[in-house]
C-alpha atoms as a PDB file:
ATOM      1  CA  UNK A   1     -31.933  88.685 -47.852  1.00  0.00           C
ATOM      2  CA  UNK A   2     -30.059  89.748 -51.029  1.00  0.00           C
ATOM      3  CA  UNK A   3     -31.636  91.289 -54.064  1.00  0.00           C
ATOM      4  CA  UNK A   4     -32.625  88.988 -56.892  1.00  0.00           C
ATOM      5  CA  UNK A   5     -30.417  89.278 -59.957  1.00  0.00           C
ATOM      6  CA  UNK A   6     -31.984  90.529 -63.202  1.00  0.00           C
ATOM      7  CA  UNK A   7     -31.690  87.947 -65.968  1.00  0.00           C
ATOM      8  CA  UNK A   8     -31.294  88.981 -69.597  1.00  0.00           C
ATOM      9  CA  UNK A   9     -32.813  87.049 -72.500  1.00  0.00           C
ATOM     10  CA  UNK A  10     -31.899  87.909 -76.096  1.00  0.00           C
ATOM     11  CA  UNK A  11     -34.341  86.884 -78.833  1.00  0.00           C
ATOM     12  CA  UNK A  12     -33.540  86.872 -82.553  1.00  0.00           C
ATOM     13  CA  UNK A  13     -36.573  86.850 -84.826  1.00  0.00           C
ATOM     14  CA  UNK A  14     -36.189  86.638 -88.567  1.00  0.00           C
ATOM     15  CA  UNK A  15     -39.287  88.102 -90.064  1.00  0.00           C
ATOM     16  CA  UNK A  16     -41.853  89.321 -87.554  1.00  0.00           C
ATOM     17  CA  UNK A  17     -42.471  89.895 -83.857  1.00  0.00           C
ATOM     18  CA  UNK A  18     -43.868  87.083 -81.733  1.00  0.00           C
ATOM     19  CA  UNK A  19     -47.627  86.757 -81.980  1.00  0.00           C
ATOM     20  CA  UNK A  20     -49.703  88.140 -79.126  1.00  0.00           C
ATOM     21  CA  UNK A  21     -50.942  84.658 -78.180  1.00  0.00           C
ATOM     22  CA  UNK A  22     -47.431  83.185 -78.172  1.00  0.00           C
ATOM     23  CA  UNK A  23     -46.095  86.152 -76.215  1.00  0.00           C
ATOM     24  CA  UNK A  24     -48.839  85.801 -73.576  1.00  0.00           C
ATOM     25  CA  UNK A  25     -48.180  82.065 -73.147  1.00  0.00           C
ATOM     26  CA  UNK A  26     -44.415  82.587 -73.052  1.00  0.00           C
ATOM     27  CA  UNK A  27     -44.602  85.345 -70.438  1.00  0.00           C
ATOM     28  CA  UNK A  28     -47.146  83.364 -68.385  1.00  0.00           C
ATOM     29  CA  UNK A  29     -44.741  80.410 -68.220  1.00  0.00           C
ATOM     30  CA  UNK A  30     -41.840  82.681 -67.315  1.00  0.00           C
ATOM     31  CA  UNK A  31     -43.938  84.118 -64.441  1.00  0.00           C
ATOM     32  CA  UNK A  32     -44.674  80.580 -63.234  1.00  0.00           C
ATOM     33  CA  UNK A  33     -40.908  80.074 -63.093  1.00  0.00           C
ATOM     34  CA  UNK A  34     -40.444  83.316 -61.162  1.00  0.00           C
ATOM     35  CA  UNK A  35     -39.308  85.587 -64.014  1.00  0.00           C
ATOM     36  CA  UNK A  36     -41.226  88.790 -64.743  1.00  0.00           C
ATOM     37  CA  UNK A  37     -40.266  91.018 -67.661  1.00  0.00           C
ATOM     38  CA  UNK A  38     -39.380  94.446 -66.321  1.00  0.00           C
ATOM     39  CA  UNK A  39     -38.943  93.248 -62.737  1.00  0.00           C
ATOM     40  CA  UNK A  40     -36.257  90.569 -62.666  1.00  0.00           C
ATOM     41  CA  UNK A  41     -35.988  89.855 -66.384  1.00  0.00           C
ATOM     42  CA  UNK A  42     -35.070  91.884 -69.442  1.00  0.00           C
ATOM     43  CA  UNK A  43     -36.188  90.531 -72.818  1.00  0.00           C
ATOM     44  CA  UNK A  44     -34.312  92.010 -75.767  1.00  0.00           C
ATOM     45  CA  UNK A  45     -36.061  91.335 -79.095  1.00  0.00           C
ATOM     46  CA  UNK A  46     -34.431  92.090 -82.412  1.00  0.00           C
ATOM     47  CA  UNK A  47     -36.139  91.615 -85.782  1.00  0.00           C
ATOM     48  CA  UNK A  48     -34.415  91.029 -89.094  1.00  0.00           C
ATOM     49  CA  UNK A  49     -37.593  92.106 -90.927  1.00  0.00           C
ATOM     50  CA  UNK A  50     -37.194  89.179 -93.308  1.00  0.00           C
ATOM     51  CA  UNK A  51     -33.727  90.339 -94.419  1.00  0.00           C
ATOM     52  CA  UNK A  52     -31.225  87.497 -94.073  1.00  0.00           C
ATOM     53  CA  UNK A  53     -28.290  89.924 -94.369  1.00  0.00           C
ATOM     54  CA  UNK A  54     -29.360  91.523 -91.073  1.00  0.00           C
ATOM     55  CA  UNK A  55     -29.180  88.297 -89.057  1.00  0.00           C
ATOM     56  CA  UNK A  56     -25.407  88.330 -88.455  1.00  0.00           C
ATOM     57  CA  UNK A  57     -25.215  91.955 -87.269  1.00  0.00           C
ATOM     58  CA  UNK A  58     -28.318  91.524 -85.095  1.00  0.00           C
ATOM     59  CA  UNK A  59     -26.939  88.317 -83.546  1.00  0.00           C
ATOM     60  CA  UNK A  60     -23.661  90.087 -82.708  1.00  0.00           C
ATOM     61  CA  UNK A  61     -25.647  93.000 -81.241  1.00  0.00           C
ATOM     62  CA  UNK A  62     -27.562  90.615 -78.975  1.00  0.00           C
ATOM     63  CA  UNK A  63     -24.365  88.881 -77.844  1.00  0.00           C
ATOM     64  CA  UNK A  64     -22.785  92.262 -77.038  1.00  0.00           C
ATOM     65  CA  UNK A  65     -25.658  92.905 -74.603  1.00  0.00           C
ATOM     66  CA  UNK A  66     -24.386  89.893 -72.610  1.00  0.00           C
ATOM     67  CA  UNK A  67     -27.606  87.901 -72.273  1.00  0.00           C
ATOM     68  CA  UNK A  68     -27.798  84.858 -70.038  1.00  0.00           C
ATOM     69  CA  UNK A  69     -29.535  82.931 -72.789  1.00  0.00           C
ATOM     70  CA  UNK A  70     -30.392  83.458 -76.459  1.00  0.00           C
ATOM     71  CA  UNK A  71     -33.698  82.434 -77.998  1.00  0.00           C
ATOM     72  CA  UNK A  72     -34.496  82.108 -81.644  1.00  0.00           C
ATOM     73  CA  UNK A  73     -37.406  81.128 -83.801  1.00  0.00           C
ATOM     74  CA  UNK A  74     -37.654  80.969 -87.531  1.00  0.00           C
ATOM     75  CA  UNK A  75     -35.424  79.486 -90.192  1.00  0.00           C
ATOM     76  CA  UNK A  76     -32.098  77.736 -89.715  1.00  0.00           C
ATOM     77  CA  UNK A  77     -30.330  80.933 -90.833  1.00  0.00           C
ATOM     78  CA  UNK A  78     -31.266  82.457 -87.457  1.00  0.00           C
ATOM     79  CA  UNK A  79     -29.540  79.608 -85.618  1.00  0.00           C
ATOM     80  CA  UNK A  80     -26.503  79.895 -87.869  1.00  0.00           C
ATOM     81  CA  UNK A  81     -26.189  83.618 -87.132  1.00  0.00           C
ATOM     82  CA  UNK A  82     -26.386  83.080 -83.375  1.00  0.00           C
ATOM     83  CA  UNK A  83     -23.996  80.124 -83.480  1.00  0.00           C
ATOM     84  CA  UNK A  84     -21.459  82.234 -85.338  1.00  0.00           C
ATOM     85  CA  UNK A  85     -21.865  85.095 -82.847  1.00  0.00           C
ATOM     86  CA  UNK A  86     -21.183  83.013 -79.715  1.00  0.00           C
ATOM     87  CA  UNK A  87     -19.904  79.659 -78.570  1.00  0.00           C
ATOM     88  CA  UNK A  88     -20.539  80.430 -74.892  1.00  0.00           C
ATOM     89  CA  UNK A  89     -24.115  81.698 -74.452  1.00  0.00           C
ATOM     90  CA  UNK A  90     -26.760  78.943 -74.529  1.00  0.00           C
ATOM     91  CA  UNK A  91     -29.149  79.088 -77.501  1.00  0.00           C
ATOM     92  CA  UNK A  92     -32.731  77.874 -77.158  1.00  0.00           C
ATOM     93  CA  UNK A  93     -34.613  77.118 -80.366  1.00  0.00           C
ATOM     94  CA  UNK A  94     -38.381  77.648 -80.266  1.00  0.00           C
ATOM     95  CA  UNK A  95     -40.361  75.792 -82.868  1.00  0.00           C
ATOM     96  CA  UNK A  96     -44.062  75.412 -83.418  1.00  0.00           C
ATOM     97  CA  UNK A  97     -45.093  71.794 -83.667  1.00  0.00           C
ATOM     98  CA  UNK A  98     -47.860  71.092 -86.096  1.00  0.00           C
ATOM     99  CA  UNK A  99     -50.364  68.313 -85.388  1.00  0.00           C
END
């Protein structure tokens, strides 16, 4: 049986790291799908620290790491930066729905 390939996920965050509760839920769901950070998955997080001017360079940095998929949360500027950095890598937008 061949070795399982390591997937790479790039995540662009605008202002702050993911919350502990979100991170736990996210990683739990990934495990349910067979992906474990550090075993067969690499999650690259980059933070713009609330500085819009950093989004473009950070998005290009993530794309250069050749992720299989890009994730983003935060304002539309994050999506714009990723969309300008690649037309090939899928981008998943994570949004919190409010009741």
